[in-house]
Amino acid sequence: MRIVITADLHYRPAQRHRYVELARQIAAQQPDCLIVAGDVGHPLRLFERGLTLFEALRCPKLLVAGNHDLYRSEHGSRALWESILPQATQRAGFVWLEEQSVLIGDVGICGTMGWYDYSTSAAHLAVPTDVYPLLKELVNHDADYIDWPWSDRAMARYLQRGFHRRLAALETDPSIARILVVTHMPIFDEMIPNYPQSEKWSLLRAYMGNLTLGELVRSCPKVTHVVSGHLHRGSAWQITRTGGCAIDCRVIGASSGVPDFVTLVV
């Protein structure tokens, strides 16, 4: 089974020819499943146009949202999250992975945006956790363009509860042999770069991922692969765990502003 995952399109009409080429390359992989791991485009019209790139693919198509998809424009972030983006996703023929898992053969696919909970904060800064909401506007535009009423940690906990339920259901399903986890934001510390020489980048690290989800995933024996986006910096690791096989972990990168993709054979 061939599963293709891409992320961070940040669709721009002026570069449409390059996105069309990306879609052509993905189609040439003859995937059995396509997954888009967030940041398709904003405002809504660009999110919708980004998804049309893949309308010719006849395989199952799945999606998790990214933080940029939720930036307020003609619609507020709450409305985008609760109804507008899920509906647009479904109209485009994609499955909104934040609400359901997908089974393809004996492979279960479980996804979440994975909002940050400051668990990735740089230890050398010694910043108290409750200060990070106040510092976010200095380094992260989410502070300017996400206008839902929930705190970062409240959203992270909410997403974790739903993800945990879906993941546990796959883990206990005897028909599932392997689980692929897809997130927008990285969930293992190894995935997130360190720049201790830069105060700005060290501070920004707190808003890059969610290690709480990583510990949850690490405890699930059936999880064999994790793929994330968000960083625009492609890398691969083997994530070790006690008493089980290593997890094949990827972050999807970008080349000259256009996203890459990874092809998994599972």
C-alpha atoms as a PDB file:
ATOM      1  CA  MET A   1       0.000   0.000   0.000  1.00  0.00           C
ATOM      2  CA  ARG A   2       1.357   3.413  -1.013  1.00  0.00           C
ATOM      3  CA  ILE A   3       0.363   6.392   1.128  1.00  0.00           C
ATOM      4  CA  VAL A   4       1.451   9.885   0.051  1.00  0.00           C
ATOM      5  CA  ILE A   5       1.531  12.702   2.619  1.00  0.00           C
ATOM      6  CA  THR A   6       2.101  16.381   1.900  1.00  0.00           C
ATOM      7  CA  ALA A   7       1.658  19.506   4.018  1.00  0.00           C
ATOM      8  CA  ASP A   8       2.068  23.264   4.191  1.00  0.00           C
ATOM      9  CA  LEU A   9       0.856  24.176   0.727  1.00  0.00           C
ATOM     10  CA  HIS A  10       0.105  27.769   1.750  1.00  0.00           C
ATOM     11  CA  TYR A  11      -1.590  27.941  -1.636  1.00  0.00           C
ATOM     12  CA  ARG A  12      -0.825  31.057  -3.666  1.00  0.00           C
ATOM     13  CA  PRO A  13      -2.525  31.586  -7.053  1.00  0.00           C
ATOM     14  CA  ALA A  14       0.563  33.279  -8.513  1.00  0.00           C
ATOM     15  CA  GLN A  15       2.455  30.024  -8.045  1.00  0.00           C
ATOM     16  CA  ARG A  16      -0.330  27.768  -9.298  1.00  0.00           C
ATOM     17  CA  HIS A  17       1.825  26.177 -12.004  1.00  0.00           C
ATOM     18  CA  ARG A  18       4.178  24.893  -9.320  1.00  0.00           C
ATOM     19  CA  TYR A  19       1.324  23.464  -7.264  1.00  0.00           C
ATOM     20  CA  VAL A  20      -0.066  21.777 -10.368  1.00  0.00           C
ATOM     21  CA  GLU A  21       3.328  20.160 -10.852  1.00  0.00           C
ATOM     22  CA  LEU A  22       3.269  18.981  -7.238  1.00  0.00           C
ATOM     23  CA  ALA A  23      -0.151  17.420  -7.809  1.00  0.00           C
ATOM     24  CA  ARG A  24       1.136  15.772 -11.001  1.00  0.00           C
ATOM     25  CA  GLN A  25       4.087  14.269  -9.146  1.00  0.00           C
ATOM     26  CA  ILE A  26       1.807  12.960  -6.412  1.00  0.00           C
ATOM     27  CA  ALA A  27      -0.555  11.406  -8.963  1.00  0.00           C
ATOM     28  CA  ALA A  28       2.437   9.730 -10.618  1.00  0.00           C
ATOM     29  CA  GLN A  29       3.037   7.875  -7.348  1.00  0.00           C
ATOM     30  CA  GLN A  30      -0.301   6.118  -7.920  1.00  0.00           C
ATOM     31  CA  PRO A  31      -1.167   6.407  -4.245  1.00  0.00           C
ATOM     32  CA  ASP A  32      -3.670   4.222  -2.484  1.00  0.00           C
ATOM     33  CA  CYS A  33      -4.285   7.164  -0.133  1.00  0.00           C
ATOM     34  CA  LEU A  34      -3.393  10.879  -0.033  1.00  0.00           C
ATOM     35  CA  ILE A  35      -3.101  12.819   3.225  1.00  0.00           C
ATOM     36  CA  VAL A  36      -2.687  16.598   3.522  1.00  0.00           C
ATOM     37  CA  ALA A  37      -1.227  17.497   6.916  1.00  0.00           C
ATOM     38  CA  GLY A  38      -2.407  21.073   7.320  1.00  0.00           C
ATOM     39  CA  ASP A  39      -1.833  24.656   6.183  1.00  0.00           C
ATOM     40  CA  VAL A  40      -3.563  24.282   2.831  1.00  0.00           C
ATOM     41  CA  GLY A  41      -4.301  27.989   2.441  1.00  0.00           C
ATOM     42  CA  HIS A  42      -6.070  31.014   3.813  1.00  0.00           C
ATOM     43  CA  PRO A  43      -8.451  32.735   3.504  1.00  0.00           C
ATOM     44  CA  LEU A  44     -11.125  30.125   2.835  1.00  0.00           C
ATOM     45  CA  ARG A  45     -11.156  30.548  -0.953  1.00  0.00           C
ATOM     46  CA  LEU A  46      -7.464  29.580  -1.105  1.00  0.00           C
ATOM     47  CA  PHE A  47      -8.036  26.615   1.199  1.00  0.00           C
ATOM     48  CA  GLU A  48     -10.716  25.431  -1.222  1.00  0.00           C
ATOM     49  CA  ARG A  49      -8.600  26.077  -4.320  1.00  0.00           C
ATOM     50  CA  GLY A  50      -5.678  24.243  -2.788  1.00  0.00           C
ATOM     51  CA  LEU A  51      -7.757  21.113  -2.327  1.00  0.00           C
ATOM     52  CA  THR A  52      -8.970  21.210  -5.943  1.00  0.00           C
ATOM     53  CA  LEU A  53      -5.404  20.405  -7.014  1.00  0.00           C
ATOM     54  CA  PHE A  54      -6.112  16.802  -6.069  1.00  0.00           C
ATOM     55  CA  GLU A  55      -9.674  16.425  -7.362  1.00  0.00           C
ATOM     56  CA  ALA A  56      -8.592  13.970 -10.093  1.00  0.00           C
ATOM     57  CA  LEU A  57      -7.217  11.483  -7.565  1.00  0.00           C
ATOM     58  CA  ARG A  58      -9.658   8.632  -7.018  1.00  0.00           C
ATOM     59  CA  CYS A  59      -8.018   7.195  -3.914  1.00  0.00           C
ATOM     60  CA  PRO A  60      -9.163   8.068  -0.367  1.00  0.00           C
ATOM     61  CA  LYS A  61      -8.085  11.627   0.535  1.00  0.00           C
ATOM     62  CA  LEU A  62      -7.647  12.703   4.141  1.00  0.00           C
ATOM     63  CA  LEU A  63      -6.848  15.993   5.869  1.00  0.00           C
ATOM     64  CA  VAL A  64      -5.908  17.569   9.170  1.00  0.00           C
ATOM     65  CA  ALA A  65      -6.033  21.346   9.517  1.00  0.00           C
ATOM     66  CA  GLY A  66      -3.064  23.580  10.212  1.00  0.00           C
ATOM     67  CA  ASN A  67      -2.820  26.758  12.242  1.00  0.00           C
ATOM     68  CA  HIS A  68      -2.723  29.008   9.159  1.00  0.00           C
ATOM     69  CA  ASP A  69      -5.948  27.493   7.853  1.00  0.00           C
ATOM     70  CA  LEU A  70      -7.632  28.955  10.934  1.00  0.00           C
ATOM     71  CA  TYR A  71      -6.458  32.545  10.528  1.00  0.00           C
ATOM     72  CA  ARG A  72      -9.389  34.932  10.711  1.00  0.00           C
ATOM     73  CA  SER A  73     -10.468  36.732   7.548  1.00  0.00           C
ATOM     74  CA  GLU A  74     -14.084  36.990   6.441  1.00  0.00           C
ATOM     75  CA  HIS A  75     -14.706  34.202   8.950  1.00  0.00           C
ATOM     76  CA  GLY A  76     -13.527  33.981  12.536  1.00  0.00           C
ATOM     77  CA  SER A  77     -11.271  31.170  13.730  1.00  0.00           C
ATOM     78  CA  ARG A  78     -14.010  29.531  15.801  1.00  0.00           C
ATOM     79  CA  ALA A  79     -16.430  29.291  12.888  1.00  0.00           C
ATOM     80  CA  LEU A  80     -13.663  28.015  10.632  1.00  0.00           C
ATOM     81  CA  TRP A  81     -12.747  25.318  13.127  1.00  0.00           C
ATOM     82  CA  GLU A  82     -16.209  24.207  14.161  1.00  0.00           C
ATOM     83  CA  SER A  83     -17.992  24.089  10.810  1.00  0.00           C
ATOM     84  CA  ILE A  84     -16.603  25.960   7.803  1.00  0.00           C
ATOM     85  CA  LEU A  85     -13.344  24.044   7.259  1.00  0.00           C
ATOM     86  CA  PRO A  86     -14.830  20.583   7.972  1.00  0.00           C
ATOM     87  CA  GLN A  87     -17.610  21.287   5.463  1.00  0.00           C
ATOM     88  CA  ALA A  88     -15.208  22.618   2.820  1.00  0.00           C
ATOM     89  CA  THR A  89     -13.010  19.563   3.356  1.00  0.00           C
ATOM     90  CA  GLN A  90     -15.909  17.198   2.837  1.00  0.00           C
ATOM     91  CA  ARG A  91     -17.160  19.061  -0.247  1.00  0.00           C
ATOM     92  CA  ALA A  92     -13.721  18.596  -1.798  1.00  0.00           C
ATOM     93  CA  GLY A  93     -13.931  14.843  -1.243  1.00  0.00           C
ATOM     94  CA  PHE A  94     -11.570  14.683   1.741  1.00  0.00           C
ATOM     95  CA  VAL A  95     -12.084  13.093   5.151  1.00  0.00           C
ATOM     96  CA  TRP A  96     -11.705  15.492   8.117  1.00  0.00           C
ATOM     97  CA  LEU A  97      -9.378  13.366  10.273  1.00  0.00           C
ATOM     98  CA  GLU A  98     -10.064  15.379  13.418  1.00  0.00           C
ATOM     99  CA  GLU A  99     -13.413  13.603  13.672  1.00  0.00           C
ATOM    100  CA  GLN A 100     -12.763  10.088  12.425  1.00  0.00           C
ATOM    101  CA  SER A 101     -10.042   7.559  11.773  1.00  0.00           C
ATOM    102  CA  VAL A 102      -9.724   5.739   8.454  1.00  0.00           C
ATOM    103  CA  LEU A 103      -9.057   2.041   7.873  1.00  0.00           C
ATOM    104  CA  ILE A 104      -7.375   0.916   4.660  1.00  0.00           C
ATOM    105  CA  GLY A 105      -6.788  -2.815   4.672  1.00  0.00           C
ATOM    106  CA  ASP A 106      -5.140  -3.615   7.991  1.00  0.00           C
ATOM    107  CA  VAL A 107      -3.701  -0.093   8.380  1.00  0.00           C
ATOM    108  CA  GLY A 108      -5.403   2.448  10.630  1.00  0.00           C
ATOM    109  CA  ILE A 109      -4.826   6.148  10.024  1.00  0.00           C
ATOM    110  CA  CYS A 110      -5.316   8.540  12.929  1.00  0.00           C
ATOM    111  CA  GLY A 111      -4.728  12.289  12.750  1.00  0.00           C
ATOM    112  CA  THR A 112      -4.950  15.569  14.596  1.00  0.00           C
ATOM    113  CA  MET A 113      -3.782  19.129  14.196  1.00  0.00           C
ATOM    114  CA  GLY A 114      -2.041  18.730  17.556  1.00  0.00           C
ATOM    115  CA  TRP A 115      -2.103  22.272  18.937  1.00  0.00           C
ATOM    116  CA  TYR A 116       0.923  23.299  21.013  1.00  0.00           C
ATOM    117  CA  ASP A 117       0.871  23.088  24.816  1.00  0.00           C
ATOM    118  CA  TYR A 118       4.324  24.680  25.423  1.00  0.00           C
ATOM    119  CA  SER A 119       5.820  21.253  26.136  1.00  0.00           C
ATOM    120  CA  THR A 120       8.430  21.954  23.426  1.00  0.00           C
ATOM    121  CA  SER A 121       9.715  25.087  25.160  1.00  0.00           C
ATOM    122  CA  ALA A 122      13.496  25.529  25.275  1.00  0.00           C
ATOM    123  CA  ALA A 123      14.713  24.427  28.701  1.00  0.00           C
ATOM    124  CA  HIS A 124      17.642  26.835  28.755  1.00  0.00           C
ATOM    125  CA  LEU A 125      15.272  29.855  28.752  1.00  0.00           C
ATOM    126  CA  ALA A 126      13.721  28.814  32.087  1.00  0.00           C
ATOM    127  CA  VAL A 127      10.499  30.657  31.226  1.00  0.00           C
ATOM    128  CA  PRO A 128       7.503  29.699  33.425  1.00  0.00           C
ATOM    129  CA  THR A 129       4.778  27.951  31.453  1.00  0.00           C
ATOM    130  CA  ASP A 130       2.138  30.526  32.347  1.00  0.00           C
ATOM    131  CA  VAL A 131       4.235  33.281  30.736  1.00  0.00           C
ATOM    132  CA  TYR A 132       4.210  31.788  27.229  1.00  0.00           C
ATOM    133  CA  PRO A 133       0.709  33.079  26.370  1.00  0.00           C
ATOM    134  CA  LEU A 134       1.969  36.607  27.064  1.00  0.00           C
ATOM    135  CA  LEU A 135       5.120  36.217  24.976  1.00  0.00           C
ATOM    136  CA  LYS A 136       3.535  34.617  21.906  1.00  0.00           C
ATOM    137  CA  GLU A 137       2.781  37.893  20.136  1.00  0.00           C
ATOM    138  CA  LEU A 138       6.516  38.655  20.037  1.00  0.00           C
ATOM    139  CA  VAL A 139       7.353  35.735  17.749  1.00  0.00           C
ATOM    140  CA  ASN A 140       4.222  34.003  16.440  1.00  0.00           C
ATOM    141  CA  HIS A 141       1.512  35.445  14.184  1.00  0.00           C
ATOM    142  CA  ASP A 142      -1.019  32.992  15.646  1.00  0.00           C
ATOM    143  CA  ALA A 143      -1.363  35.613  18.378  1.00  0.00           C
ATOM    144  CA  ASP A 144      -2.534  38.129  15.756  1.00  0.00           C
ATOM    145  CA  TYR A 145      -4.751  35.980  13.535  1.00  0.00           C
ATOM    146  CA  ILE A 146      -6.261  33.226  15.701  1.00  0.00           C
ATOM    147  CA  ASP A 147      -9.273  34.748  17.432  1.00  0.00           C
ATOM    148  CA  TRP A 148     -11.075  31.781  18.956  1.00  0.00           C
ATOM    149  CA  PRO A 149     -11.867  32.081  22.682  1.00  0.00           C
ATOM    150  CA  TRP A 150      -9.784  29.147  23.920  1.00  0.00           C
ATOM    151  CA  SER A 151      -6.301  29.214  25.377  1.00  0.00           C
ATOM    152  CA  ASP A 152      -3.510  27.233  23.712  1.00  0.00           C
ATOM    153  CA  ARG A 153      -3.386  24.656  26.477  1.00  0.00           C
ATOM    154  CA  ALA A 154      -7.185  24.280  26.545  1.00  0.00           C
ATOM    155  CA  MET A 155      -7.241  23.609  22.788  1.00  0.00           C
ATOM    156  CA  ALA A 156      -4.319  21.202  23.120  1.00  0.00           C
ATOM    157  CA  ARG A 157      -6.135  19.232  25.840  1.00  0.00           C
ATOM    158  CA  TYR A 158      -9.368  19.157  23.833  1.00  0.00           C
ATOM    159  CA  LEU A 159      -7.644  17.812  20.715  1.00  0.00           C
ATOM    160  CA  GLN A 160      -5.678  15.297  22.763  1.00  0.00           C
ATOM    161  CA  ARG A 161      -8.852  13.798  24.263  1.00  0.00           C
ATOM    162  CA  GLY A 162     -10.435  13.195  20.859  1.00  0.00           C
ATOM    163  CA  PHE A 163      -7.210  11.900  19.349  1.00  0.00           C
ATOM    164  CA  HIS A 164      -6.698   9.540  22.300  1.00  0.00           C
ATOM    165  CA  ARG A 165     -10.160   8.045  21.835  1.00  0.00           C
ATOM    166  CA  ARG A 166      -9.600   7.436  18.127  1.00  0.00           C
ATOM    167  CA  LEU A 167      -6.103   6.049  18.620  1.00  0.00           C
ATOM    168  CA  ALA A 168      -7.210   3.722  21.431  1.00  0.00           C
ATOM    169  CA  ALA A 169     -10.013   2.366  19.252  1.00  0.00           C
ATOM    170  CA  LEU A 170      -7.521   1.474  16.522  1.00  0.00           C
ATOM    171  CA  GLU A 171      -5.092   0.002  19.039  1.00  0.00           C
ATOM    172  CA  THR A 172      -7.731  -2.388  20.400  1.00  0.00           C
ATOM    173  CA  ASP A 173      -9.205  -3.328  16.992  1.00  0.00           C
ATOM    174  CA  PRO A 174      -7.927  -6.844  16.176  1.00  0.00           C
ATOM    175  CA  SER A 175      -8.262  -6.212  12.438  1.00  0.00           C
ATOM    176  CA  ILE A 176      -5.675  -3.389  12.592  1.00  0.00           C
ATOM    177  CA  ALA A 177      -2.039  -4.476  12.309  1.00  0.00           C
ATOM    178  CA  ARG A 178      -0.351  -1.068  11.944  1.00  0.00           C
ATOM    179  CA  ILE A 179      -1.234   2.549  12.697  1.00  0.00           C
ATOM    180  CA  LEU A 180      -0.056   5.647  10.847  1.00  0.00           C
ATOM    181  CA  VAL A 181      -0.326   8.881  12.851  1.00  0.00           C
ATOM    182  CA  VAL A 182      -0.486  12.185  10.978  1.00  0.00           C
ATOM    183  CA  THR A 183      -0.270  15.548  12.741  1.00  0.00           C
ATOM    184  CA  HIS A 184       0.239  19.089  11.621  1.00  0.00           C
ATOM    185  CA  MET A 185       2.479  20.021  14.535  1.00  0.00           C
ATOM    186  CA  PRO A 186       5.378  17.715  15.464  1.00  0.00           C
ATOM    187  CA  ILE A 187       5.021  15.521  18.519  1.00  0.00           C
ATOM    188  CA  PHE A 188       8.571  14.331  19.283  1.00  0.00           C
ATOM    189  CA  ASP A 189      11.375  16.490  20.613  1.00  0.00           C
ATOM    190  CA  GLU A 190      13.798  15.136  18.020  1.00  0.00           C
ATOM    191  CA  MET A 191      11.684  16.673  15.263  1.00  0.00           C
ATOM    192  CA  ILE A 192      12.013  20.251  16.481  1.00  0.00           C
ATOM    193  CA  PRO A 193      15.224  22.224  15.838  1.00  0.00           C
ATOM    194  CA  ASN A 194      17.227  23.866  18.591  1.00  0.00           C
ATOM    195  CA  TYR A 195      18.900  27.243  18.137  1.00  0.00           C
ATOM    196  CA  PRO A 196      20.187  28.105  21.618  1.00  0.00           C
ATOM    197  CA  GLN A 197      22.245  30.963  20.192  1.00  0.00           C
ATOM    198  CA  SER A 198      19.033  32.737  19.131  1.00  0.00           C
ATOM    199  CA  GLU A 199      16.686  34.087  21.785  1.00  0.00           C
ATOM    200  CA  LYS A 200      13.904  34.548  19.231  1.00  0.00           C
ATOM    201  CA  TRP A 201      14.071  31.007  17.858  1.00  0.00           C
ATOM    202  CA  SER A 202      14.445  29.543  21.320  1.00  0.00           C
ATOM    203  CA  LEU A 203      11.261  31.338  22.386  1.00  0.00           C
ATOM    204  CA  LEU A 204       9.460  30.301  19.196  1.00  0.00           C
ATOM    205  CA  ARG A 205      10.168  26.650  19.988  1.00  0.00           C
ATOM    206  CA  ALA A 206       7.390  26.660  22.608  1.00  0.00           C
ATOM    207  CA  TYR A 207       4.799  27.104  19.835  1.00  0.00           C
ATOM    208  CA  MET A 208       6.142  24.429  17.461  1.00  0.00           C
ATOM    209  CA  GLY A 209       4.770  21.140  18.766  1.00  0.00           C
ATOM    210  CA  ASN A 210       3.150  18.968  21.402  1.00  0.00           C
ATOM    211  CA  LEU A 211       5.279  16.390  23.213  1.00  0.00           C
ATOM    212  CA  THR A 212       2.308  15.261  25.308  1.00  0.00           C
ATOM    213  CA  LEU A 213       0.848  13.687  22.175  1.00  0.00           C
ATOM    214  CA  GLY A 214       4.224  12.126  21.452  1.00  0.00           C
ATOM    215  CA  GLU A 215       4.247  10.294  24.765  1.00  0.00           C
ATOM    216  CA  LEU A 216       0.741   9.033  24.051  1.00  0.00           C
ATOM    217  CA  VAL A 217       1.763   7.777  20.607  1.00  0.00           C
ATOM    218  CA  ARG A 218       4.989   6.233  21.920  1.00  0.00           C
ATOM    219  CA  SER A 219       2.924   4.069  24.277  1.00  0.00           C
ATOM    220  CA  CYS A 220       0.881   2.504  21.430  1.00  0.00           C
ATOM    221  CA  PRO A 221       2.603  -0.630  20.087  1.00  0.00           C
ATOM    222  CA  LYS A 222       0.749  -0.630  16.769  1.00  0.00           C
ATOM    223  CA  VAL A 223       1.993   2.830  15.729  1.00  0.00           C
ATOM    224  CA  THR A 224       4.712   2.268  13.126  1.00  0.00           C
ATOM    225  CA  HIS A 225       4.832   5.650  11.354  1.00  0.00           C
ATOM    226  CA  VAL A 226       4.348   9.305  12.320  1.00  0.00           C
ATOM    227  CA  VAL A 227       4.318  12.111   9.748  1.00  0.00           C
ATOM    228  CA  SER A 228       4.018  15.822  10.581  1.00  0.00           C
ATOM    229  CA  GLY A 229       4.238  19.197   8.874  1.00  0.00           C
ATOM    230  CA  HIS A 230       4.423  22.765  10.193  1.00  0.00           C
ATOM    231  CA  LEU A 231       8.207  23.239  10.206  1.00  0.00           C
ATOM    232  CA  HIS A 232       8.880  23.404   6.433  1.00  0.00           C
ATOM    233  CA  ARG A 233      12.062  21.479   7.217  1.00  0.00           C
ATOM    234  CA  GLY A 234      12.192  17.924   5.965  1.00  0.00           C
ATOM    235  CA  SER A 235      13.801  15.321   8.193  1.00  0.00           C
ATOM    236  CA  ALA A 236      13.484  11.691   9.249  1.00  0.00           C
ATOM    237  CA  TRP A 237      14.161   9.830  12.510  1.00  0.00           C
ATOM    238  CA  GLN A 238      13.729   6.479  14.151  1.00  0.00           C
ATOM    239  CA  ILE A 239      11.979   7.192  17.459  1.00  0.00           C
ATOM    240  CA  THR A 240      12.894   4.556  20.014  1.00  0.00           C
ATOM    241  CA  ARG A 241      10.568   3.212  22.687  1.00  0.00           C
ATOM    242  CA  THR A 242      10.832   0.671  25.468  1.00  0.00           C
ATOM    243  CA  GLY A 243       9.766  -2.844  24.587  1.00  0.00           C
ATOM    244  CA  GLY A 244       8.749  -2.142  21.004  1.00  0.00           C
ATOM    245  CA  CYS A 245       9.980  -1.434  17.502  1.00  0.00           C
ATOM    246  CA  ALA A 246      11.172   2.056  16.616  1.00  0.00           C
ATOM    247  CA  ILE A 247       8.703   4.470  15.022  1.00  0.00           C
ATOM    248  CA  ASP A 248       9.502   5.722  11.515  1.00  0.00           C
ATOM    249  CA  CYS A 249       9.041   9.479  11.940  1.00  0.00           C
ATOM    250  CA  ARG A 250       9.062  12.128   9.177  1.00  0.00           C
ATOM    251  CA  VAL A 251       8.623  15.869   8.889  1.00  0.00           C
ATOM    252  CA  ILE A 252       7.587  17.110   5.455  1.00  0.00           C
ATOM    253  CA  GLY A 253       9.815  19.813   4.058  1.00  0.00           C
ATOM    254  CA  ALA A 254       9.556  22.382   1.294  1.00  0.00           C
ATOM    255  CA  SER A 255      11.679  23.301  -1.714  1.00  0.00           C
ATOM    256  CA  SER A 256      11.747  26.910  -2.923  1.00  0.00           C
ATOM    257  CA  GLY A 257       8.491  27.622  -1.137  1.00  0.00           C
ATOM    258  CA  VAL A 258       6.583  24.635  -2.541  1.00  0.00           C
ATOM    259  CA  PRO A 259       5.911  21.640  -0.277  1.00  0.00           C
ATOM    260  CA  ASP A 260       7.524  18.271  -0.703  1.00  0.00           C
ATOM    261  CA  PHE A 261       5.773  14.979  -0.070  1.00  0.00           C
ATOM    262  CA  VAL A 262       6.683  11.615   1.369  1.00  0.00           C
ATOM    263  CA  THR A 263       5.577   8.239   0.089  1.00  0.00           C
ATOM    264  CA  LEU A 264       5.185   5.456   2.625  1.00  0.00           C
ATOM    265  CA  VAL A 265       4.895   1.820   1.602  1.00  0.00           C
ATOM    266  CA  VAL A 266       3.096   0.120   4.481  1.00  0.00           C
END
